[in-house]
C-alpha cells in the first residue's frame, strides 16, 4: 500500500473517531469494521 493510501486510510479513521466522540456503540462499530480489514505486505522494489 502506498504512503498516500495509508495516509488516506489513517485520516479516514481519525475523522470517524472525531465524529463519534465518546459514543460507545459507535466506537464498537468502528472497532468491528477495522477488525475485518485485511493487510498484505508489499515488497519494496529494488531501485
N, C-alpha and C. Protein backbone atom coordinates (compact mmCIF):
# COMPACT_ATOMS: atom_id res chain seq x y z
N UNK A 1 0.86 -1.17 0.00
CA UNK A 1 0.00 0.00 0.00
C UNK A 1 0.90 1.23 0.00
N UNK A 2 0.60 2.14 -0.85
CA UNK A 2 1.44 3.33 -0.94
C UNK A 2 1.24 4.22 0.29
N UNK A 3 2.19 5.10 0.50
CA UNK A 3 2.10 6.02 1.64
C UNK A 3 0.85 6.88 1.56
N UNK A 4 0.49 7.30 0.35
CA UNK A 4 -0.70 8.14 0.21
C UNK A 4 -1.96 7.38 0.59
N UNK A 5 -2.03 6.11 0.21
CA UNK A 5 -3.21 5.31 0.57
C UNK A 5 -3.26 5.08 2.07
N UNK A 6 -2.10 4.81 2.69
CA UNK A 6 -2.07 4.62 4.14
C UNK A 6 -2.48 5.90 4.85
N UNK A 7 -2.00 7.03 4.36
CA UNK A 7 -2.33 8.32 4.95
C UNK A 7 -3.83 8.58 4.84
N UNK A 8 -4.39 8.30 3.68
CA UNK A 8 -5.83 8.49 3.47
C UNK A 8 -6.63 7.59 4.39
N UNK A 9 -6.19 6.34 4.54
CA UNK A 9 -6.87 5.40 5.42
C UNK A 9 -6.81 5.87 6.87
N UNK A 10 -5.64 6.32 7.28
CA UNK A 10 -5.48 6.82 8.65
C UNK A 10 -6.34 8.04 8.88
N UNK A 11 -6.34 8.96 7.94
CA UNK A 11 -7.15 10.17 8.07
C UNK A 11 -8.64 9.83 8.18
N UNK A 12 -9.07 8.84 7.41
CA UNK A 12 -10.48 8.42 7.45
C UNK A 12 -10.84 7.88 8.84
N UNK A 13 -9.97 7.09 9.41
CA UNK A 13 -10.21 6.52 10.74
C UNK A 13 -10.26 7.63 11.79
N UNK A 14 -9.33 8.56 11.71
CA UNK A 14 -9.29 9.67 12.67
C UNK A 14 -10.57 10.50 12.57
N UNK A 15 -11.03 10.77 11.36
CA UNK A 15 -12.26 11.54 11.17
C UNK A 15 -13.46 10.82 11.78
N UNK A 16 -13.53 9.51 11.59
CA UNK A 16 -14.63 8.74 12.18
C UNK A 16 -14.59 8.82 13.69
N UNK A 17 -13.39 8.69 14.27
CA UNK A 17 -13.26 8.75 15.72
C UNK A 17 -13.65 10.12 16.26
N UNK A 18 -13.27 11.17 15.57
CA UNK A 18 -13.66 12.52 15.98
C UNK A 18 -15.17 12.69 15.91
N UNK A 19 -15.77 12.12 14.88
CA UNK A 19 -17.21 12.25 14.68
C UNK A 19 -18.00 11.58 15.80
N UNK A 20 -17.59 10.38 16.20
CA UNK A 20 -18.37 9.63 17.19
C UNK A 20 -18.06 10.05 18.62
N UNK A 21 -16.91 10.66 18.85
CA UNK A 21 -16.57 11.11 20.20
C UNK A 21 -16.56 9.95 21.19
N UNK A 22 -17.31 10.11 22.27
CA UNK A 22 -17.33 9.10 23.34
C UNK A 22 -18.51 8.14 23.22
N UNK A 23 -19.19 8.16 22.09
CA UNK A 23 -20.35 7.29 21.90
C UNK A 23 -19.89 5.84 21.82
N UNK A 24 -20.13 5.08 22.88
CA UNK A 24 -19.61 3.72 22.98
C UNK A 24 -20.08 2.80 21.86
N UNK A 25 -21.33 2.87 21.51
CA UNK A 25 -21.85 1.98 20.47
C UNK A 25 -21.15 2.23 19.13
N UNK A 26 -20.95 3.49 18.82
CA UNK A 26 -20.28 3.83 17.57
C UNK A 26 -18.83 3.38 17.59
N UNK A 27 -18.16 3.50 18.73
CA UNK A 27 -16.78 3.04 18.84
C UNK A 27 -16.69 1.54 18.62
N UNK A 28 -17.65 0.79 19.15
CA UNK A 28 -17.66 -0.66 18.92
C UNK A 28 -17.88 -0.98 17.45
N UNK A 29 -18.71 -0.20 16.78
CA UNK A 29 -18.96 -0.43 15.36
C UNK A 29 -17.69 -0.16 14.54
N UNK A 30 -16.98 0.91 14.87
CA UNK A 30 -15.73 1.20 14.18
C UNK A 30 -14.71 0.10 14.45
N UNK A 31 -14.64 -0.35 15.68
CA UNK A 31 -13.71 -1.42 16.04
C UNK A 31 -14.02 -2.68 15.24
N UNK A 32 -15.27 -3.03 15.13
CA UNK A 32 -15.68 -4.22 14.37
C UNK A 32 -15.32 -4.06 12.89
N UNK A 33 -15.54 -2.87 12.36
CA UNK A 33 -15.20 -2.59 10.96
C UNK A 33 -13.69 -2.73 10.72
N UNK A 34 -12.89 -2.18 11.62
CA UNK A 34 -11.45 -2.25 11.47
C UNK A 34 -10.92 -3.68 11.64
N UNK A 35 -11.57 -4.46 12.47
CA UNK A 35 -11.15 -5.84 12.69
C UNK A 35 -11.33 -6.69 11.43
N UNK A 36 -12.22 -6.30 10.55
CA UNK A 36 -12.49 -7.07 9.33
C UNK A 36 -11.51 -6.75 8.20
N UNK A 37 -10.72 -5.70 8.38
CA UNK A 37 -9.76 -5.33 7.34
C UNK A 37 -8.64 -6.35 7.25
N UNK A 38 -8.14 -6.53 6.06
CA UNK A 38 -7.01 -7.42 5.85
C UNK A 38 -5.84 -6.62 5.29
N UNK A 39 -4.66 -7.05 5.64
CA UNK A 39 -3.47 -6.36 5.20
C UNK A 39 -2.55 -7.34 4.48
N UNK A 40 -1.87 -6.85 3.49
CA UNK A 40 -0.89 -7.65 2.81
C UNK A 40 0.42 -6.88 2.79
N UNK A 41 1.49 -7.59 3.01
CA UNK A 41 2.80 -6.97 2.96
C UNK A 41 3.24 -6.83 1.53
N UNK A 42 3.78 -5.69 1.20
CA UNK A 42 4.29 -5.47 -0.13
C UNK A 42 5.80 -5.35 -0.06
N UNK A 43 6.45 -6.00 -0.96
CA UNK A 43 7.90 -5.89 -1.03
C UNK A 43 8.26 -4.62 -1.76
N UNK A 44 9.26 -3.93 -1.25
CA UNK A 44 9.72 -2.75 -1.94
C UNK A 44 10.56 -3.18 -3.14
N UNK A 45 10.31 -2.54 -4.24
CA UNK A 45 11.06 -2.87 -5.46
C UNK A 45 12.47 -2.34 -5.34
N UNK A 46 13.43 -3.12 -5.79
CA UNK A 46 14.83 -2.68 -5.79
C UNK A 46 15.01 -1.53 -6.75
N UNK A 47 15.77 -0.55 -6.30
CA UNK A 47 15.98 0.63 -7.16
C UNK A 47 17.35 0.62 -7.75
